[in-house]
C-alpha cells in the first residue's frame, strides 16, 4: 500500500472534512468528534451529492442533497436506503493523517 501524508489531524475540524483529488475522483476525509478519521469517495451513492458538505454525527454523514445517511466506517447507506460510497484506508500516525491509495478502486465493507 502507498500511504500519502494528507495533513495534520488538527487541520481538519472535529465533525469536519477535507477533500483531496484522488485518481478516480475526489476523496473526502472525515474527522469525528472523538478524533476518528475515515475516508470515502466524495459522492453519495444516491445522486452523487458531495458527502464532504454533509453533517457528521456519530460515525455517519448525512448527504446534503437528500439526507441519505452513510456509515463512515463502511460507506454503506443506512436502511432503507441502499448503496455504497467507496471507502479508502486512512490512519493517523504522529498526529498526521495518512491515506492509502491503491491501483484499484477501494471497496465497501
N, C-alpha and C. Protein backbone atom coordinates (compact mmCIF):
# COMPACT_ATOMS: atom_id res chain seq x y z
N UNK A 1 0.83 -1.17 0.00
CA UNK A 1 0.00 0.00 0.00
C UNK A 1 0.88 1.25 0.00
N UNK A 2 0.46 2.25 -0.71
CA UNK A 2 1.18 3.50 -0.80
C UNK A 2 0.49 4.54 0.08
N UNK A 3 1.08 4.85 1.24
CA UNK A 3 0.49 5.82 2.17
C UNK A 3 0.94 7.23 1.81
N UNK A 4 -0.02 8.13 1.72
CA UNK A 4 0.24 9.52 1.37
C UNK A 4 -0.11 10.40 2.56
N UNK A 5 0.81 11.27 2.93
CA UNK A 5 0.58 12.22 4.02
C UNK A 5 -0.36 13.31 3.50
N UNK A 6 -1.54 13.42 4.12
CA UNK A 6 -2.56 14.37 3.66
C UNK A 6 -2.44 15.70 4.39
N UNK A 7 -2.42 15.65 5.72
CA UNK A 7 -2.40 16.87 6.52
C UNK A 7 -2.25 16.49 7.99
N UNK A 8 -2.13 17.49 8.84
CA UNK A 8 -2.17 17.25 10.29
C UNK A 8 -3.62 16.99 10.68
N UNK A 9 -3.83 16.14 11.68
CA UNK A 9 -5.19 15.89 12.16
C UNK A 9 -5.85 17.21 12.54
N UNK A 10 -5.11 18.11 13.17
CA UNK A 10 -5.67 19.39 13.60
C UNK A 10 -6.07 20.30 12.44
N UNK A 11 -5.66 19.96 11.21
CA UNK A 11 -6.08 20.73 10.05
C UNK A 11 -7.51 20.42 9.63
N UNK A 12 -8.09 19.36 10.20
CA UNK A 12 -9.49 19.01 9.94
C UNK A 12 -10.25 19.27 11.24
N UNK A 13 -11.24 20.13 11.19
CA UNK A 13 -12.03 20.42 12.38
C UNK A 13 -12.77 19.18 12.85
N UNK A 14 -12.96 19.03 14.17
CA UNK A 14 -13.85 17.95 14.64
C UNK A 14 -15.22 18.12 13.97
N UNK A 15 -15.80 17.02 13.54
CA UNK A 15 -17.06 17.00 12.78
C UNK A 15 -16.92 17.73 11.45
N UNK A 16 -15.71 17.72 10.91
CA UNK A 16 -15.45 18.37 9.63
C UNK A 16 -14.84 17.42 8.63
N UNK A 17 -14.49 17.96 7.47
CA UNK A 17 -13.91 17.13 6.42
C UNK A 17 -12.93 17.95 5.60
N UNK A 18 -12.17 17.24 4.81
CA UNK A 18 -11.24 17.83 3.86
C UNK A 18 -11.35 17.00 2.59
N UNK A 19 -11.26 17.64 1.44
CA UNK A 19 -11.37 16.94 0.16
C UNK A 19 -10.01 16.98 -0.54
N UNK A 20 -9.63 15.83 -1.07
CA UNK A 20 -8.43 15.75 -1.89
C UNK A 20 -8.79 15.12 -3.23
N UNK A 21 -8.01 15.41 -4.22
CA UNK A 21 -8.23 14.82 -5.54
C UNK A 21 -7.58 13.44 -5.55
N UNK A 22 -8.37 12.43 -5.87
CA UNK A 22 -7.87 11.07 -5.99
C UNK A 22 -7.80 10.66 -7.46
N UNK A 23 -7.21 9.52 -7.75
CA UNK A 23 -7.06 9.09 -9.15
C UNK A 23 -8.39 8.83 -9.86
N UNK A 24 -9.45 8.47 -9.09
CA UNK A 24 -10.76 8.22 -9.69
C UNK A 24 -11.79 9.26 -9.26
N UNK A 25 -11.36 10.39 -8.73
CA UNK A 25 -12.28 11.43 -8.29
C UNK A 25 -11.96 11.89 -6.89
N UNK A 26 -12.71 12.86 -6.41
CA UNK A 26 -12.45 13.43 -5.10
C UNK A 26 -12.70 12.43 -3.98
N UNK A 27 -11.88 12.55 -2.94
CA UNK A 27 -11.98 11.72 -1.73
C UNK A 27 -12.19 12.66 -0.56
N UNK A 28 -13.18 12.37 0.26
CA UNK A 28 -13.46 13.17 1.45
C UNK A 28 -12.85 12.47 2.66
N UNK A 29 -12.10 13.24 3.45
CA UNK A 29 -11.52 12.75 4.70
C UNK A 29 -12.35 13.36 5.82
N UNK A 30 -12.94 12.52 6.66
CA UNK A 30 -13.84 12.97 7.73
C UNK A 30 -13.18 12.79 9.09
N UNK A 31 -13.45 13.73 10.01
CA UNK A 31 -12.99 13.62 11.40
C UNK A 31 -14.22 13.67 12.30
N UNK A 32 -14.35 12.68 13.17
CA UNK A 32 -15.47 12.64 14.10
C UNK A 32 -15.15 13.46 15.35
N UNK A 33 -16.13 13.60 16.22
CA UNK A 33 -15.93 14.38 17.45
C UNK A 33 -14.92 13.73 18.38
N UNK A 34 -14.71 12.41 18.26
CA UNK A 34 -13.72 11.73 19.09
C UNK A 34 -12.43 11.42 18.32
N UNK A 35 -12.17 12.22 17.28
CA UNK A 35 -10.92 12.20 16.51
C UNK A 35 -10.69 10.94 15.69
N UNK A 36 -11.73 10.17 15.40
CA UNK A 36 -11.58 9.07 14.45
C UNK A 36 -11.59 9.68 13.05
N UNK A 37 -10.87 9.06 12.13
CA UNK A 37 -10.76 9.58 10.77
C UNK A 37 -11.20 8.48 9.80
N UNK A 38 -11.99 8.89 8.80
CA UNK A 38 -12.50 7.98 7.78
C UNK A 38 -12.34 8.65 6.42
N UNK A 39 -12.28 7.84 5.37
CA UNK A 39 -12.16 8.38 4.01
C UNK A 39 -13.12 7.65 3.09
N UNK A 40 -13.91 8.43 2.35
CA UNK A 40 -14.88 7.90 1.39
C UNK A 40 -14.79 8.71 0.10
N UNK A 41 -15.17 8.09 -1.01
CA UNK A 41 -15.34 8.87 -2.22
C UNK A 41 -16.34 9.98 -1.91
N UNK A 42 -16.10 11.16 -2.43
CA UNK A 42 -16.94 12.32 -2.12
C UNK A 42 -18.17 12.36 -3.01
N UNK A 43 -18.86 11.23 -3.09
CA UNK A 43 -20.08 11.11 -3.91
C UNK A 43 -21.08 10.22 -3.20
N UNK A 44 -22.24 10.76 -2.91
CA UNK A 44 -23.31 9.95 -2.33
C UNK A 44 -23.75 8.92 -3.37
N UNK A 45 -24.03 7.68 -2.94
CA UNK A 45 -24.45 6.66 -3.90
C UNK A 45 -25.83 6.93 -4.50
N UNK A 46 -26.58 7.86 -3.94
CA UNK A 46 -27.93 8.17 -4.42
C UNK A 46 -27.89 9.03 -5.68
N UNK A 47 -27.46 10.27 -5.54
CA UNK A 47 -27.44 11.20 -6.68
C UNK A 47 -26.10 11.90 -6.84
N UNK A 48 -25.06 11.38 -6.18
CA UNK A 48 -23.73 11.94 -6.35
C UNK A 48 -23.45 13.20 -5.56
N UNK A 49 -24.27 13.48 -4.56
CA UNK A 49 -24.06 14.67 -3.74
C UNK A 49 -22.71 14.65 -3.03
N UNK A 50 -22.16 15.83 -2.75
CA UNK A 50 -20.85 15.92 -2.10
C UNK A 50 -20.94 15.59 -0.61
N UNK A 51 -20.55 14.38 -0.23
CA UNK A 51 -20.64 13.97 1.17
C UNK A 51 -19.81 14.88 2.08
N UNK A 52 -18.74 15.45 1.55
CA UNK A 52 -17.88 16.32 2.35
C UNK A 52 -18.63 17.56 2.86
N UNK A 53 -19.74 17.89 2.24
CA UNK A 53 -20.53 19.05 2.66
C UNK A 53 -21.68 18.66 3.59
N UNK A 54 -21.79 17.37 3.91
CA UNK A 54 -22.86 16.89 4.78
C UNK A 54 -22.53 17.06 6.25
N UNK A 55 -23.54 16.87 7.08
CA UNK A 55 -23.37 16.94 8.53
C UNK A 55 -22.87 15.60 9.05
N UNK A 56 -21.85 15.66 9.90
CA UNK A 56 -21.29 14.46 10.51
C UNK A 56 -21.85 14.36 11.92
N UNK A 57 -22.34 13.18 12.25
CA UNK A 57 -22.82 12.93 13.61
C UNK A 57 -22.52 11.49 13.95
N UNK A 58 -21.97 11.27 15.14
CA UNK A 58 -21.54 9.91 15.48
C UNK A 58 -20.53 9.45 14.44
N UNK A 59 -20.82 8.30 13.84
CA UNK A 59 -19.95 7.76 12.79
C UNK A 59 -20.70 7.69 11.46
N UNK A 60 -21.54 8.71 11.22
CA UNK A 60 -22.29 8.81 9.97
C UNK A 60 -22.18 10.21 9.41
N UNK A 61 -22.43 10.30 8.11
CA UNK A 61 -22.54 11.61 7.46
C UNK A 61 -23.87 11.61 6.72
N UNK A 62 -24.55 12.77 6.75
CA UNK A 62 -25.82 12.93 6.04
C UNK A 62 -25.55 13.68 4.75
N UNK A 63 -25.93 13.11 3.63
CA UNK A 63 -25.74 13.77 2.34
C UNK A 63 -26.51 15.09 2.33
N UNK A 64 -25.88 16.17 1.86
CA UNK A 64 -26.56 17.46 1.87
C UNK A 64 -27.70 17.58 0.85
N UNK A 65 -27.77 16.69 -0.12
CA UNK A 65 -28.83 16.80 -1.13
C UNK A 65 -30.16 16.22 -0.68
N UNK A 66 -30.14 14.97 -0.21
CA UNK A 66 -31.40 14.30 0.12
C UNK A 66 -31.36 13.60 1.48
N UNK A 67 -30.37 13.95 2.30
CA UNK A 67 -30.25 13.46 3.68
C UNK A 67 -30.05 11.96 3.80
N UNK A 68 -29.52 11.31 2.77
CA UNK A 68 -29.17 9.90 2.93
C UNK A 68 -28.11 9.80 4.01
N UNK A 69 -28.21 8.81 4.87
CA UNK A 69 -27.25 8.57 5.94
C UNK A 69 -26.24 7.53 5.48
N UNK A 70 -24.96 7.88 5.58
CA UNK A 70 -23.89 6.99 5.13
C UNK A 70 -22.98 6.66 6.32
N UNK A 71 -22.73 5.36 6.54
CA UNK A 71 -21.82 4.93 7.60
C UNK A 71 -20.39 5.27 7.19
N UNK A 72 -19.68 6.01 8.03
CA UNK A 72 -18.32 6.41 7.69
C UNK A 72 -17.36 5.22 7.63
N UNK A 73 -17.54 4.24 8.49
CA UNK A 73 -16.61 3.11 8.55
C UNK A 73 -16.72 2.19 7.34
N UNK A 74 -17.91 2.08 6.76
CA UNK A 74 -18.10 1.13 5.66
C UNK A 74 -18.47 1.79 4.34
N UNK A 75 -19.01 3.00 4.38
CA UNK A 75 -19.51 3.65 3.17
C UNK A 75 -20.93 3.24 2.81
N UNK A 76 -21.51 2.32 3.57
CA UNK A 76 -22.85 1.81 3.28
C UNK A 76 -23.94 2.80 3.67
N UNK A 77 -24.96 2.90 2.81
CA UNK A 77 -26.14 3.70 3.14
C UNK A 77 -26.92 2.99 4.25
N UNK A 78 -27.54 3.77 5.12
CA UNK A 78 -28.33 3.22 6.22
C UNK A 78 -29.72 2.87 5.68
N UNK A 79 -30.22 1.67 6.01
CA UNK A 79 -31.54 1.21 5.56
C UNK A 79 -32.61 2.21 5.98
N UNK A 80 -33.62 2.39 5.15
CA UNK A 80 -34.00 1.58 4.00
C UNK A 80 -33.25 1.92 2.71
N UNK A 81 -32.41 2.96 2.74
CA UNK A 81 -31.65 3.31 1.54
C UNK A 81 -30.60 2.25 1.26
N UNK A 82 -30.22 2.13 -0.01
CA UNK A 82 -29.24 1.13 -0.40
C UNK A 82 -28.21 1.76 -1.31
N UNK A 83 -26.98 1.38 -1.12
CA UNK A 83 -25.89 1.88 -1.95
C UNK A 83 -24.64 2.02 -1.11
N UNK A 84 -23.58 2.42 -1.76
CA UNK A 84 -22.30 2.46 -1.06
C UNK A 84 -21.41 3.53 -1.68
N UNK A 85 -20.77 4.31 -0.81
CA UNK A 85 -19.70 5.21 -1.22
C UNK A 85 -18.40 4.45 -0.96
N UNK A 86 -17.57 4.32 -1.95
CA UNK A 86 -16.34 3.54 -1.78
C UNK A 86 -15.49 4.14 -0.67
N UNK A 87 -14.95 3.26 0.17
CA UNK A 87 -14.12 3.72 1.29
C UNK A 87 -12.65 3.52 0.95
N UNK A 88 -11.82 4.26 1.66
CA UNK A 88 -10.38 4.19 1.47
C UNK A 88 -9.73 4.01 2.84
N UNK A 89 -8.60 3.32 2.87
CA UNK A 89 -7.88 3.14 4.12
C UNK A 89 -7.24 4.46 4.53
N UNK A 90 -7.40 4.80 5.81
CA UNK A 90 -6.84 6.03 6.34
C UNK A 90 -6.42 5.77 7.78
N UNK A 91 -5.37 6.46 8.22
CA UNK A 91 -4.92 6.30 9.60
C UNK A 91 -4.27 7.59 10.06
N UNK A 92 -4.13 7.72 11.39
CA UNK A 92 -3.44 8.86 11.97
C UNK A 92 -2.18 8.33 12.65
N UNK A 93 -1.04 8.88 12.26
CA UNK A 93 0.25 8.49 12.83
C UNK A 93 1.00 9.76 13.21
N UNK A 94 1.39 9.84 14.47
CA UNK A 94 2.12 11.01 14.96
C UNK A 94 1.41 12.31 14.63
N UNK A 95 0.07 12.30 14.75
CA UNK A 95 -0.71 13.50 14.50
C UNK A 95 -0.92 13.85 13.04
N UNK A 96 -0.49 12.97 12.13
CA UNK A 96 -0.64 13.20 10.70
C UNK A 96 -1.66 12.23 10.13
N UNK A 97 -2.50 12.72 9.20
CA UNK A 97 -3.49 11.89 8.53
C UNK A 97 -2.85 11.31 7.28
N UNK A 98 -2.87 9.97 7.19
CA UNK A 98 -2.28 9.25 6.05
C UNK A 98 -3.37 8.50 5.31
N UNK A 99 -3.36 8.58 4.00
CA UNK A 99 -4.35 7.92 3.15
C UNK A 99 -3.63 6.91 2.27
N UNK A 100 -4.21 5.71 2.16
CA UNK A 100 -3.63 4.67 1.30
C UNK A 100 -4.34 4.70 -0.04
N UNK A 101 -3.57 4.86 -1.09
CA UNK A 101 -4.13 4.79 -2.43
C UNK A 101 -3.65 3.50 -3.07
N UNK A 102 -4.57 2.84 -3.74
CA UNK A 102 -4.25 1.59 -4.43
C UNK A 102 -4.49 1.79 -5.91
N UNK A 103 -3.95 0.90 -6.69
CA UNK A 103 -4.16 0.99 -8.14
C UNK A 103 -5.61 0.72 -8.50
N UNK A 104 -6.27 -0.15 -7.72
CA UNK A 104 -7.67 -0.45 -7.99
C UNK A 104 -8.56 0.36 -7.06
N UNK A 105 -9.83 0.38 -7.34
CA UNK A 105 -10.78 1.12 -6.51
C UNK A 105 -10.88 0.51 -5.13
N UNK A 106 -11.00 1.37 -4.13
CA UNK A 106 -11.29 0.89 -2.78
C UNK A 106 -12.70 0.28 -2.81
N UNK A 107 -13.05 -0.41 -1.76
CA UNK A 107 -14.32 -1.13 -1.78
C UNK A 107 -15.15 -0.81 -0.54
N UNK A 108 -16.38 -1.21 -0.60
CA UNK A 108 -17.25 -1.12 0.57
C UNK A 108 -16.98 -2.33 1.44
N UNK A 109 -17.27 -2.17 2.71
CA UNK A 109 -17.02 -3.27 3.65
C UNK A 109 -17.92 -4.43 3.36
